[in-house]
Amino acid sequence: MKAVLCKQFGPPESLVIEDLPSPKPGAGEVVVTVKAASVNFPDVLIIQNKYQVKPPLPFSPGSELAGIVKEVGDGVANARPGDRVIAFATYGAFAEECLVPAARLVPIPAGMDYVTAASFLLTYGTSHHALKNRAATIPGETLLVLGAAGGVGIAAIEIGKVLGLRVIACASSGDKLAVCRQHGADEVINYAAEDLREAIKRVAGGKGVDVIYDAVGGPYAEAALRSSNWRARFLVIGFASGEIPKLPLNLPLLMERSIVGVYWGEWTRRTPGEFAAAVKELGEWYAQGKLKPHVSSQYPLAQAAAALSELAARKAKGKVVIVP
């Protein structure tokens, strides 16, 4: 099988494509024939040795995929050859076949194609967990989404609307904000063109926001936090800007605001029952037409470096997908 390999840590251009033997499943493992694999920001970090997970070299990046079960190992009861599945491997998805723990498989919802399936659960799962579990949002509250045109950002917009929130989407260009509007944003802010705090005052009618969804980090975090209400919740999703903000702790103190970490992957491992319930609800919302993943571009396996570069440069709108 062909696989994208990281043989030395570095930028996407340092990746290579090689032929490798097909993996064989051990006990509790499954081999999946990869039909589509989405690109996520941790994939950009892991190949540069900047992620909390540090696999031994060489390895194939890619953590989220959709495909068909090819072979199962001993003791696997939740999958059989031929099953259509979404799978999560900490790494290894940018290949024609991927070895995955059976516990990390989810059936593809009925009617969902492979490209959509590979783009669905990590982004929508993260946003569902963030807004429903960690922020405990209440219908009628105002949600501010930073980096709203990215995969998790669009998911946050759509899930925010399902939960009855007023959604303000923030992004760095007009075309990105147009996509946010298409996915349900009530108001939009171009934070590259105007002062974020002044813009929030304008679109929020002089009021603050109740929940901040921050997948970007960098200079916009503090401005957003200063523009939030009494007992607002600031959700720490990630740092796509490459800069981890240093927030003054008097800001949470003065308005009893909460800074809340969101680590979806660890939550799925610690609370499998809650995760299963969330997957069921997300599948129902998709079937009802409430969730519509946005895939901005698709690349063949040989152009995996270009796919990663598009995401790293923050040019993507929605999801970028690799199709072996």
C-alpha atoms as a PDB file:
ATOM      1  CA  MET A   1       0.000   0.000   0.000  1.00  0.00           C
ATOM      2  CA  LYS A   2       1.050   3.617  -0.485  1.00  0.00           C
ATOM      3  CA  ALA A   3       1.429   5.901   2.537  1.00  0.00           C
ATOM      4  CA  VAL A   4       2.511   9.456   3.290  1.00  0.00           C
ATOM      5  CA  LEU A   5       5.495   9.278   5.632  1.00  0.00           C
ATOM      6  CA  CYS A   6       7.078  11.713   8.037  1.00  0.00           C
ATOM      7  CA  LYS A   7      10.672  10.458   8.235  1.00  0.00           C
ATOM      8  CA  GLN A   8      12.042  13.611   9.824  1.00  0.00           C
ATOM      9  CA  PHE A   9      10.177  16.375  11.631  1.00  0.00           C
ATOM     10  CA  GLY A  10       9.604  19.451   9.517  1.00  0.00           C
ATOM     11  CA  PRO A  11       7.165  21.315   7.258  1.00  0.00           C
ATOM     12  CA  PRO A  12       4.703  19.546   4.943  1.00  0.00           C
ATOM     13  CA  GLU A  13       7.197  19.668   2.072  1.00  0.00           C
ATOM     14  CA  SER A  14       9.420  17.223   3.945  1.00  0.00           C
ATOM     15  CA  LEU A  15       6.845  14.423   3.700  1.00  0.00           C
ATOM     16  CA  VAL A  16       7.401  11.550   1.259  1.00  0.00           C
ATOM     17  CA  ILE A  17       5.217   8.882  -0.375  1.00  0.00           C
ATOM     18  CA  GLU A  18       6.377   5.269  -0.106  1.00  0.00           C
ATOM     19  CA  ASP A  19       5.094   1.738  -0.624  1.00  0.00           C
ATOM     20  CA  LEU A  20       4.707  -0.179   2.628  1.00  0.00           C
ATOM     21  CA  PRO A  21       3.456  -3.657   3.534  1.00  0.00           C
ATOM     22  CA  SER A  22      -0.234  -3.792   4.395  1.00  0.00           C
ATOM     23  CA  PRO A  23      -0.763  -3.666   8.168  1.00  0.00           C
ATOM     24  CA  LYS A  24      -1.985  -6.767  10.005  1.00  0.00           C
ATOM     25  CA  PRO A  25      -4.437  -6.384  12.886  1.00  0.00           C
ATOM     26  CA  GLY A  26      -3.548  -7.612  16.343  1.00  0.00           C
ATOM     27  CA  ALA A  27      -6.022  -8.409  19.079  1.00  0.00           C
ATOM     28  CA  GLY A  28      -8.648  -5.682  19.338  1.00  0.00           C
ATOM     29  CA  GLU A  29      -7.484  -4.001  16.128  1.00  0.00           C
ATOM     30  CA  VAL A  30      -8.969  -3.417  12.693  1.00  0.00           C
ATOM     31  CA  VAL A  31      -7.458  -2.635   9.294  1.00  0.00           C
ATOM     32  CA  VAL A  32      -9.525  -0.072   7.356  1.00  0.00           C
ATOM     33  CA  THR A  33      -9.238   0.591   3.629  1.00  0.00           C
ATOM     34  CA  VAL A  34      -9.117   4.377   3.562  1.00  0.00           C
ATOM     35  CA  LYS A  35     -11.626   6.044   1.229  1.00  0.00           C
ATOM     36  CA  ALA A  36     -11.104   9.583   2.575  1.00  0.00           C
ATOM     37  CA  ALA A  37      -9.054  11.206   5.329  1.00  0.00           C
ATOM     38  CA  SER A  38      -9.565  14.750   6.555  1.00  0.00           C
ATOM     39  CA  VAL A  39      -6.784  17.168   7.441  1.00  0.00           C
ATOM     40  CA  ASN A  40      -6.927  18.663  10.937  1.00  0.00           C
ATOM     41  CA  PHE A  41      -4.692  21.219  12.596  1.00  0.00           C
ATOM     42  CA  PRO A  42      -3.003  18.650  14.892  1.00  0.00           C
ATOM     43  CA  ASP A  43      -1.744  16.963  11.711  1.00  0.00           C
ATOM     44  CA  VAL A  44       0.176  20.150  10.889  1.00  0.00           C
ATOM     45  CA  LEU A  45       1.682  20.193  14.381  1.00  0.00           C
ATOM     46  CA  ILE A  46       2.515  16.504  14.727  1.00  0.00           C
ATOM     47  CA  ILE A  47       4.821  16.452  11.673  1.00  0.00           C
ATOM     48  CA  GLN A  48       6.785  19.350  13.216  1.00  0.00           C
ATOM     49  CA  ASN A  49       7.065  17.666  16.635  1.00  0.00           C
ATOM     50  CA  LYS A  50       4.886  20.429  18.127  1.00  0.00           C
ATOM     51  CA  TYR A  51       1.949  18.289  19.244  1.00  0.00           C
ATOM     52  CA  GLN A  52       1.360  16.651  22.630  1.00  0.00           C
ATOM     53  CA  VAL A  53       1.408  13.240  20.931  1.00  0.00           C
ATOM     54  CA  LYS A  54       4.904  12.411  19.653  1.00  0.00           C
ATOM     55  CA  PRO A  55       4.987   9.224  17.542  1.00  0.00           C
ATOM     56  CA  PRO A  56       8.276   7.515  16.735  1.00  0.00           C
ATOM     57  CA  LEU A  57       9.733   8.150  13.304  1.00  0.00           C
ATOM     58  CA  PRO A  58       8.838   7.227  10.625  1.00  0.00           C
ATOM     59  CA  PHE A  59       5.055   7.563  10.807  1.00  0.00           C
ATOM     60  CA  SER A  60       2.142   8.539   8.611  1.00  0.00           C
ATOM     61  CA  PRO A  61       0.160  11.589   9.792  1.00  0.00           C
ATOM     62  CA  GLY A  62      -3.621  11.821   9.695  1.00  0.00           C
ATOM     63  CA  SER A  63      -6.030  11.127  12.530  1.00  0.00           C
ATOM     64  CA  GLU A  64      -9.532  11.037  11.012  1.00  0.00           C
ATOM     65  CA  LEU A  65     -10.688   8.798   8.182  1.00  0.00           C
ATOM     66  CA  ALA A  66     -13.632   7.036   6.616  1.00  0.00           C
ATOM     67  CA  GLY A  67     -13.491   3.746   4.797  1.00  0.00           C
ATOM     68  CA  ILE A  68     -14.318   0.055   4.700  1.00  0.00           C
ATOM     69  CA  VAL A  69     -13.213  -2.526   7.243  1.00  0.00           C
ATOM     70  CA  LYS A  70     -10.775  -4.860   5.470  1.00  0.00           C
ATOM     71  CA  GLU A  71      -9.714  -7.198   8.283  1.00  0.00           C
ATOM     72  CA  VAL A  72     -10.326  -7.597  12.011  1.00  0.00           C
ATOM     73  CA  GLY A  73      -8.126  -9.017  14.751  1.00  0.00           C
ATOM     74  CA  ASP A  74      -8.958 -11.417  17.548  1.00  0.00           C
ATOM     75  CA  GLY A  75     -11.620 -10.344  19.990  1.00  0.00           C
ATOM     76  CA  VAL A  76     -13.205  -7.668  17.768  1.00  0.00           C
ATOM     77  CA  ALA A  77     -16.975  -7.811  18.127  1.00  0.00           C
ATOM     78  CA  ASN A  78     -18.063  -4.338  16.944  1.00  0.00           C
ATOM     79  CA  ALA A  79     -16.886  -4.569  13.320  1.00  0.00           C
ATOM     80  CA  ARG A  80     -16.588  -7.048  10.482  1.00  0.00           C
ATOM     81  CA  PRO A  81     -15.104  -6.902   6.979  1.00  0.00           C
ATOM     82  CA  GLY A  82     -17.202  -4.754   4.657  1.00  0.00           C
ATOM     83  CA  ASP A  83     -18.509  -2.369   7.336  1.00  0.00           C
ATOM     84  CA  ARG A  84     -18.510   1.342   6.409  1.00  0.00           C
ATOM     85  CA  VAL A  85     -16.871   3.212   9.274  1.00  0.00           C
ATOM     86  CA  ILE A  86     -15.472   6.479  10.543  1.00  0.00           C
ATOM     87  CA  ALA A  87     -12.225   5.792  12.367  1.00  0.00           C
ATOM     88  CA  PHE A  88      -9.877   7.729  14.615  1.00  0.00           C
ATOM     89  CA  ALA A  89      -6.199   6.906  14.653  1.00  0.00           C
ATOM     90  CA  THR A  90      -3.865   9.259  16.473  1.00  0.00           C
ATOM     91  CA  TYR A  91      -1.797   9.036  13.298  1.00  0.00           C
ATOM     92  CA  GLY A  92      -1.643   6.824  10.205  1.00  0.00           C
ATOM     93  CA  ALA A  93      -4.694   7.921   8.200  1.00  0.00           C
ATOM     94  CA  PHE A  94      -2.840   9.420   5.228  1.00  0.00           C
ATOM     95  CA  ALA A  95      -2.400   6.034   3.607  1.00  0.00           C
ATOM     96  CA  GLU A  96      -4.345   3.526   1.538  1.00  0.00           C
ATOM     97  CA  GLU A  97      -4.860   1.371   4.643  1.00  0.00           C
ATOM     98  CA  CYS A  98      -4.831   2.217   8.330  1.00  0.00           C
ATOM     99  CA  LEU A  99      -4.540   0.119  11.493  1.00  0.00           C
ATOM    100  CA  VAL A 100      -7.048   1.333  14.090  1.00  0.00           C
ATOM    101  CA  PRO A 101      -8.127   0.118  17.565  1.00  0.00           C
ATOM    102  CA  ALA A 102     -11.620  -1.325  17.203  1.00  0.00           C
ATOM    103  CA  ALA A 103     -12.817   0.937  20.013  1.00  0.00           C
ATOM    104  CA  ARG A 104     -12.079   3.928  17.760  1.00  0.00           C
ATOM    105  CA  LEU A 105     -14.623   2.991  15.101  1.00  0.00           C
ATOM    106  CA  VAL A 106     -18.044   4.557  14.532  1.00  0.00           C
ATOM    107  CA  PRO A 107     -20.520   3.378  11.871  1.00  0.00           C
ATOM    108  CA  ILE A 108     -21.010   5.896   9.046  1.00  0.00           C
ATOM    109  CA  PRO A 109     -24.527   7.385   9.334  1.00  0.00           C
ATOM    110  CA  ALA A 110     -26.956   6.200   6.685  1.00  0.00           C
ATOM    111  CA  GLY A 111     -26.791   8.235   3.490  1.00  0.00           C
ATOM    112  CA  MET A 112     -23.426   9.850   4.258  1.00  0.00           C
ATOM    113  CA  ASP A 113     -20.648   9.605   1.656  1.00  0.00           C
ATOM    114  CA  TYR A 114     -17.017   8.899   2.563  1.00  0.00           C
ATOM    115  CA  VAL A 115     -15.700  12.450   2.055  1.00  0.00           C
ATOM    116  CA  THR A 116     -18.414  13.870   4.313  1.00  0.00           C
ATOM    117  CA  ALA A 117     -17.894  11.094   6.856  1.00  0.00           C
ATOM    118  CA  ALA A 118     -14.166  11.827   7.064  1.00  0.00           C
ATOM    119  CA  SER A 119     -15.014  15.487   7.700  1.00  0.00           C
ATOM    120  CA  PHE A 120     -17.730  14.985  10.272  1.00  0.00           C
ATOM    121  CA  LEU A 121     -17.074  13.571  13.686  1.00  0.00           C
ATOM    122  CA  LEU A 122     -13.928  15.292  14.926  1.00  0.00           C
ATOM    123  CA  THR A 123     -15.130  18.791  14.080  1.00  0.00           C
ATOM    124  CA  TYR A 124     -18.776  18.347  15.005  1.00  0.00           C
ATOM    125  CA  GLY A 125     -17.882  16.182  17.995  1.00  0.00           C
ATOM    126  CA  THR A 126     -15.518  18.857  19.312  1.00  0.00           C
ATOM    127  CA  SER A 127     -18.073  21.630  18.896  1.00  0.00           C
ATOM    128  CA  HIS A 128     -20.915  19.549  20.344  1.00  0.00           C
ATOM    129  CA  HIS A 129     -18.833  18.685  23.419  1.00  0.00           C
ATOM    130  CA  ALA A 130     -17.667  22.285  23.778  1.00  0.00           C
ATOM    131  CA  LEU A 131     -21.054  23.966  23.547  1.00  0.00           C
ATOM    132  CA  LYS A 132     -23.273  21.367  25.172  1.00  0.00           C
ATOM    133  CA  ASN A 133     -21.054  19.827  27.860  1.00  0.00           C
ATOM    134  CA  ARG A 134     -18.312  22.320  28.671  1.00  0.00           C
ATOM    135  CA  ALA A 135     -20.190  25.612  28.191  1.00  0.00           C
ATOM    136  CA  ALA A 136     -23.644  24.263  29.090  1.00  0.00           C
ATOM    137  CA  THR A 137     -25.182  26.848  26.780  1.00  0.00           C
ATOM    138  CA  ILE A 138     -28.719  28.138  27.287  1.00  0.00           C
ATOM    139  CA  PRO A 139     -31.055  28.982  24.386  1.00  0.00           C
ATOM    140  CA  GLY A 140     -31.004  32.711  23.702  1.00  0.00           C
ATOM    141  CA  GLU A 141     -27.360  33.216  24.684  1.00  0.00           C
ATOM    142  CA  THR A 142     -24.907  34.865  22.295  1.00  0.00           C
ATOM    143  CA  LEU A 143     -22.014  32.789  20.938  1.00  0.00           C
ATOM    144  CA  LEU A 144     -18.903  34.391  19.434  1.00  0.00           C
ATOM    145  CA  VAL A 145     -16.900  32.065  17.160  1.00  0.00           C
ATOM    146  CA  LEU A 146     -13.286  32.981  16.354  1.00  0.00           C
ATOM    147  CA  GLY A 147     -11.861  31.308  13.255  1.00  0.00           C
ATOM    148  CA  ALA A 148     -15.444  30.628  12.253  1.00  0.00           C
ATOM    149  CA  ALA A 149     -14.726  29.555   8.651  1.00  0.00           C
ATOM    150  CA  GLY A 150     -12.580  26.585   9.674  1.00  0.00           C
ATOM    151  CA  GLY A 151     -13.883  23.055  10.141  1.00  0.00           C
ATOM    152  CA  VAL A 152     -14.617  23.314  13.864  1.00  0.00           C
ATOM    153  CA  GLY A 153     -15.787  26.916  13.419  1.00  0.00           C
ATOM    154  CA  ILE A 154     -18.483  26.013  10.900  1.00  0.00           C
ATOM    155  CA  ALA A 155     -19.492  23.109  13.129  1.00  0.00           C
ATOM    156  CA  ALA A 156     -19.777  25.518  16.068  1.00  0.00           C
ATOM    157  CA  ILE A 157     -22.006  27.845  14.037  1.00  0.00           C
ATOM    158  CA  GLU A 158     -24.361  25.053  13.015  1.00  0.00           C
ATOM    159  CA  ILE A 159     -24.517  23.398  16.437  1.00  0.00           C
ATOM    160  CA  GLY A 160     -24.937  26.810  18.073  1.00  0.00           C
ATOM    161  CA  LYS A 161     -28.034  27.380  15.938  1.00  0.00           C
ATOM    162  CA  VAL A 162     -29.397  23.912  16.778  1.00  0.00           C
ATOM    163  CA  LEU A 163     -28.959  24.776  20.472  1.00  0.00           C
ATOM    164  CA  GLY A 164     -30.864  28.035  20.059  1.00  0.00           C
ATOM    165  CA  LEU A 165     -27.948  30.470  20.301  1.00  0.00           C
ATOM    166  CA  ARG A 166     -27.403  33.771  18.517  1.00  0.00           C
ATOM    167  CA  VAL A 167     -24.158  33.279  16.619  1.00  0.00           C
ATOM    168  CA  ILE A 168     -21.573  35.934  15.736  1.00  0.00           C
ATOM    169  CA  ALA A 169     -18.961  34.533  13.326  1.00  0.00           C
ATOM    170  CA  CYS A 170     -15.481  36.068  13.115  1.00  0.00           C
ATOM    171  CA  ALA A 171     -13.030  35.416  10.282  1.00  0.00           C
ATOM    172  CA  SER A 172     -10.313  37.184   8.311  1.00  0.00           C
ATOM    173  CA  SER A 173     -11.904  37.745   4.892  1.00  0.00           C
ATOM    174  CA  GLY A 174     -15.181  38.453   3.167  1.00  0.00           C
ATOM    175  CA  ASP A 175     -15.294  35.125   1.319  1.00  0.00           C
ATOM    176  CA  LYS A 176     -14.805  33.233   4.579  1.00  0.00           C
ATOM    177  CA  LEU A 177     -17.584  35.215   6.221  1.00  0.00           C
ATOM    178  CA  ALA A 178     -19.879  34.468   3.286  1.00  0.00           C
ATOM    179  CA  VAL A 179     -19.442  30.757   4.035  1.00  0.00           C
ATOM    180  CA  CYS A 180     -20.262  31.444   7.686  1.00  0.00           C
ATOM    181  CA  ARG A 181     -23.493  33.154   6.618  1.00  0.00           C
ATOM    182  CA  GLN A 182     -24.368  30.153   4.452  1.00  0.00           C
ATOM    183  CA  HIS A 183     -24.057  27.907   7.508  1.00  0.00           C
ATOM    184  CA  GLY A 184     -26.318  30.004   9.721  1.00  0.00           C
ATOM    185  CA  ALA A 185     -24.323  32.813  11.342  1.00  0.00           C
ATOM    186  CA  ASP A 186     -26.585  35.664  12.481  1.00  0.00           C
ATOM    187  CA  GLU A 187     -23.834  38.310  12.375  1.00  0.00           C
ATOM    188  CA  VAL A 188     -20.301  38.375  11.001  1.00  0.00           C
ATOM    189  CA  ILE A 189     -17.106  40.279  11.844  1.00  0.00           C
ATOM    190  CA  ASN A 190     -13.981  40.631   9.707  1.00  0.00           C
ATOM    191  CA  TYR A 191     -11.399  40.941  12.465  1.00  0.00           C
ATOM    192  CA  ALA A 192      -8.636  41.592   9.940  1.00  0.00           C
ATOM    193  CA  ALA A 193     -10.428  44.749   8.761  1.00  0.00           C
ATOM    194  CA  GLU A 194     -11.860  46.262  11.958  1.00  0.00           C
ATOM    195  CA  ASP A 195     -11.225  46.408  15.691  1.00  0.00           C
ATOM    196  CA  LEU A 196     -12.740  43.293  17.250  1.00  0.00           C
ATOM    197  CA  ARG A 197     -14.003  44.921  20.458  1.00  0.00           C
ATOM    198  CA  GLU A 198     -15.690  47.765  18.591  1.00  0.00           C
ATOM    199  CA  ALA A 199     -17.184  45.330  16.103  1.00  0.00           C
ATOM    200  CA  ILE A 200     -18.617  43.163  18.892  1.00  0.00           C
ATOM    201  CA  LYS A 201     -20.251  46.236  20.418  1.00  0.00           C
ATOM    202  CA  ARG A 202     -21.739  47.082  17.048  1.00  0.00           C
ATOM    203  CA  VAL A 203     -23.193  43.683  16.147  1.00  0.00           C
ATOM    204  CA  ALA A 204     -24.210  42.812  19.714  1.00  0.00           C
ATOM    205  CA  GLY A 205     -26.162  46.040  20.167  1.00  0.00           C
ATOM    206  CA  GLY A 206     -23.829  47.372  22.834  1.00  0.00           C
ATOM    207  CA  LYS A 207     -23.990  44.153  24.838  1.00  0.00           C
ATOM    208  CA  GLY A 208     -21.345  41.541  25.451  1.00  0.00           C
ATOM    209  CA  VAL A 209     -21.292  37.873  24.463  1.00  0.00           C
ATOM    210  CA  ASP A 210     -22.004  34.880  26.676  1.00  0.00           C
ATOM    211  CA  VAL A 211     -19.814  32.172  25.137  1.00  0.00           C
ATOM    212  CA  ILE A 212     -16.549  32.533  23.191  1.00  0.00           C
ATOM    213  CA  TYR A 213     -15.397  29.643  21.009  1.00  0.00           C
ATOM    214  CA  ASP A 214     -11.693  30.143  20.314  1.00  0.00           C
ATOM    215  CA  ALA A 215      -9.875  27.785  17.978  1.00  0.00           C
ATOM    216  CA  VAL A 216      -7.402  30.489  16.926  1.00  0.00           C
ATOM    217  CA  GLY A 217      -5.613  31.926  19.973  1.00  0.00           C
ATOM    218  CA  GLY A 218      -3.289  34.824  19.278  1.00  0.00           C
ATOM    219  CA  PRO A 219      -4.231  38.501  19.645  1.00  0.00           C
ATOM    220  CA  TYR A 220      -8.010  38.147  19.347  1.00  0.00           C
ATOM    221  CA  ALA A 221      -8.489  36.092  22.503  1.00  0.00           C
ATOM    222  CA  GLU A 222      -8.090  38.914  25.016  1.00  0.00           C
ATOM    223  CA  ALA A 223     -10.217  41.334  22.991  1.00  0.00           C
ATOM    224  CA  ALA A 224     -13.003  38.759  22.858  1.00  0.00           C
ATOM    225  CA  LEU A 225     -12.760  37.986  26.572  1.00  0.00           C
ATOM    226  CA  ARG A 226     -12.933  41.702  27.426  1.00  0.00           C
ATOM    227  CA  SER A 227     -16.127  41.877  25.347  1.00  0.00           C
ATOM    228  CA  SER A 228     -17.940  39.150  27.260  1.00  0.00           C
ATOM    229  CA  ASN A 229     -20.716  39.260  29.819  1.00  0.00           C
ATOM    230  CA  TRP A 230     -21.071  38.353  33.474  1.00  0.00           C
ATOM    231  CA  ARG A 231     -20.259  34.654  33.893  1.00  0.00           C
ATOM    232  CA  ALA A 232     -19.317  34.234  30.251  1.00  0.00           C
ATOM    233  CA  ARG A 233     -17.483  31.049  29.261  1.00  0.00           C
ATOM    234  CA  PHE A 234     -14.307  31.239  27.179  1.00  0.00           C
ATOM    235  CA  LEU A 235     -13.795  27.901  25.422  1.00  0.00           C
ATOM    236  CA  VAL A 236     -10.163  27.026  24.652  1.00  0.00           C
ATOM    237  CA  ILE A 237     -10.319  24.852  21.525  1.00  0.00           C
ATOM    238  CA  GLY A 238      -6.879  25.327  19.946  1.00  0.00           C
ATOM    239  CA  PHE A 239      -4.269  27.719  18.632  1.00  0.00           C
ATOM    240  CA  ALA A 240      -4.429  27.802  14.835  1.00  0.00           C
ATOM    241  CA  SER A 241      -2.606  31.154  14.846  1.00  0.00           C
ATOM    242  CA  GLY A 242       0.420  29.435  16.358  1.00  0.00           C
ATOM    243  CA  GLU A 243       0.338  31.753  19.370  1.00  0.00           C
ATOM    244  CA  ILE A 244      -0.956  30.674  22.791  1.00  0.00           C
ATOM    245  CA  PRO A 245      -2.501  33.796  24.382  1.00  0.00           C
ATOM    246  CA  LYS A 246      -1.519  34.961  27.858  1.00  0.00           C
ATOM    247  CA  LEU A 247      -4.755  36.247  29.361  1.00  0.00           C
ATOM    248  CA  PRO A 248      -4.793  38.631  32.358  1.00  0.00           C
ATOM    249  CA  LEU A 249      -6.476  36.722  35.181  1.00  0.00           C
ATOM    250  CA  ASN A 250      -8.239  39.826  36.456  1.00  0.00           C
ATOM    251  CA  LEU A 251     -10.598  39.460  33.488  1.00  0.00           C
ATOM    252  CA  PRO A 252     -12.145  36.195  34.747  1.00  0.00           C
ATOM    253  CA  LEU A 253     -12.164  37.533  38.320  1.00  0.00           C
ATOM    254  CA  LEU A 254     -13.974  40.818  37.723  1.00  0.00           C
ATOM    255  CA  MET A 255     -16.947  39.364  35.856  1.00  0.00           C
ATOM    256  CA  GLU A 256     -16.857  35.798  37.202  1.00  0.00           C
ATOM    257  CA  ARG A 257     -16.002  34.587  33.723  1.00  0.00           C
ATOM    258  CA  SER A 258     -14.773  31.029  33.217  1.00  0.00           C
ATOM    259  CA  ILE A 259     -11.897  29.882  31.022  1.00  0.00           C
ATOM    260  CA  VAL A 260     -12.801  26.336  29.993  1.00  0.00           C
ATOM    261  CA  GLY A 261     -10.541  23.804  28.319  1.00  0.00           C
ATOM    262  CA  VAL A 262     -11.968  21.512  25.623  1.00  0.00           C
ATOM    263  CA  TYR A 263     -10.080  18.283  24.872  1.00  0.00           C
ATOM    264  CA  TRP A 264     -12.530  16.195  22.880  1.00  0.00           C
ATOM    265  CA  GLY A 265     -10.172  13.287  22.210  1.00  0.00           C
ATOM    266  CA  GLU A 266      -9.427  12.673  25.882  1.00  0.00           C
ATOM    267  CA  TRP A 267     -13.117  13.091  26.791  1.00  0.00           C
ATOM    268  CA  THR A 268     -14.087  10.372  24.297  1.00  0.00           C
ATOM    269  CA  ARG A 269     -11.622   7.989  25.957  1.00  0.00           C
ATOM    270  CA  ARG A 270     -12.637   8.806  29.531  1.00  0.00           C
ATOM    271  CA  THR A 271     -16.416   8.781  29.020  1.00  0.00           C
ATOM    272  CA  PRO A 272     -17.320   6.345  26.225  1.00  0.00           C
ATOM    273  CA  GLY A 273     -20.976   6.327  27.242  1.00  0.00           C
ATOM    274  CA  GLU A 274     -21.293  10.097  26.894  1.00  0.00           C
ATOM    275  CA  PHE A 275     -19.388   9.926  23.602  1.00  0.00           C
ATOM    276  CA  ALA A 276     -21.766   7.291  22.212  1.00  0.00           C
ATOM    277  CA  ALA A 277     -24.766   9.455  23.138  1.00  0.00           C
ATOM    278  CA  ALA A 278     -23.181  12.462  21.444  1.00  0.00           C
ATOM    279  CA  VAL A 279     -22.477  10.477  18.256  1.00  0.00           C
ATOM    280  CA  LYS A 280     -26.111   9.334  18.195  1.00  0.00           C
ATOM    281  CA  GLU A 281     -27.402  12.888  18.552  1.00  0.00           C
ATOM    282  CA  LEU A 282     -25.059  14.248  15.883  1.00  0.00           C
ATOM    283  CA  GLY A 283     -26.153  11.495  13.486  1.00  0.00           C
ATOM    284  CA  GLU A 284     -29.793  12.408  14.098  1.00  0.00           C
ATOM    285  CA  TRP A 285     -29.114  16.100  13.479  1.00  0.00           C
ATOM    286  CA  TYR A 286     -27.303  15.243  10.246  1.00  0.00           C
ATOM    287  CA  ALA A 287     -30.210  13.065   9.076  1.00  0.00           C
ATOM    288  CA  GLN A 288     -32.565  15.965   9.821  1.00  0.00           C
ATOM    289  CA  GLY A 289     -30.492  18.276   7.611  1.00  0.00           C
ATOM    290  CA  LYS A 290     -29.371  20.487  10.512  1.00  0.00           C
ATOM    291  CA  LEU A 291     -25.656  19.792   9.988  1.00  0.00           C
ATOM    292  CA  LYS A 292     -23.972  20.222   6.604  1.00  0.00           C
ATOM    293  CA  PRO A 293     -20.172  19.747   6.621  1.00  0.00           C
ATOM    294  CA  HIS A 294     -18.379  22.099   4.249  1.00  0.00           C
ATOM    295  CA  VAL A 295     -15.494  20.564   2.271  1.00  0.00           C
ATOM    296  CA  SER A 296     -13.506  23.273   0.509  1.00  0.00           C
ATOM    297  CA  SER A 297     -10.969  21.095  -1.300  1.00  0.00           C
ATOM    298  CA  GLN A 298      -9.922  17.518  -2.007  1.00  0.00           C
ATOM    299  CA  TYR A 299      -6.424  16.225  -2.773  1.00  0.00           C
ATOM    300  CA  PRO A 300      -5.009  12.872  -3.902  1.00  0.00           C
ATOM    301  CA  LEU A 301      -2.595  11.102  -1.577  1.00  0.00           C
ATOM    302  CA  ALA A 302       0.386  12.290  -3.627  1.00  0.00           C
ATOM    303  CA  GLN A 303      -0.540  15.917  -2.830  1.00  0.00           C
ATOM    304  CA  ALA A 304      -0.888  15.471   0.933  1.00  0.00           C
ATOM    305  CA  ALA A 305       1.785  18.120   1.530  1.00  0.00           C
ATOM    306  CA  ALA A 306      -0.286  20.683  -0.394  1.00  0.00           C
ATOM    307  CA  ALA A 307      -3.363  19.762   1.642  1.00  0.00           C
ATOM    308  CA  LEU A 308      -1.496  20.305   4.910  1.00  0.00           C
ATOM    309  CA  SER A 309      -0.006  23.558   3.617  1.00  0.00           C
ATOM    310  CA  GLU A 310      -3.457  24.909   2.728  1.00  0.00           C
ATOM    311  CA  LEU A 311      -4.627  24.319   6.287  1.00  0.00           C
ATOM    312  CA  ALA A 312      -1.413  25.644   7.845  1.00  0.00           C
ATOM    313  CA  ALA A 313      -1.717  28.864   5.827  1.00  0.00           C
ATOM    314  CA  ARG A 314      -5.310  29.246   7.066  1.00  0.00           C
ATOM    315  CA  LYS A 315      -6.610  29.363   3.508  1.00  0.00           C
ATOM    316  CA  ALA A 316      -9.156  26.588   3.980  1.00  0.00           C
ATOM    317  CA  LYS A 317     -12.867  27.193   4.372  1.00  0.00           C
ATOM    318  CA  GLY A 318     -14.356  24.223   6.167  1.00  0.00           C
ATOM    319  CA  LYS A 319     -12.540  20.930   5.710  1.00  0.00           C
ATOM    320  CA  VAL A 320      -9.673  19.779   3.507  1.00  0.00           C
ATOM    321  CA  VAL A 321      -9.839  16.082   2.560  1.00  0.00           C
ATOM    322  CA  ILE A 322      -7.303  13.630   1.147  1.00  0.00           C
ATOM    323  CA  VAL A 323      -8.763  10.914  -1.103  1.00  0.00           C
ATOM    324  CA  PRO A 324      -6.331   8.014  -1.665  1.00  0.00           C
END
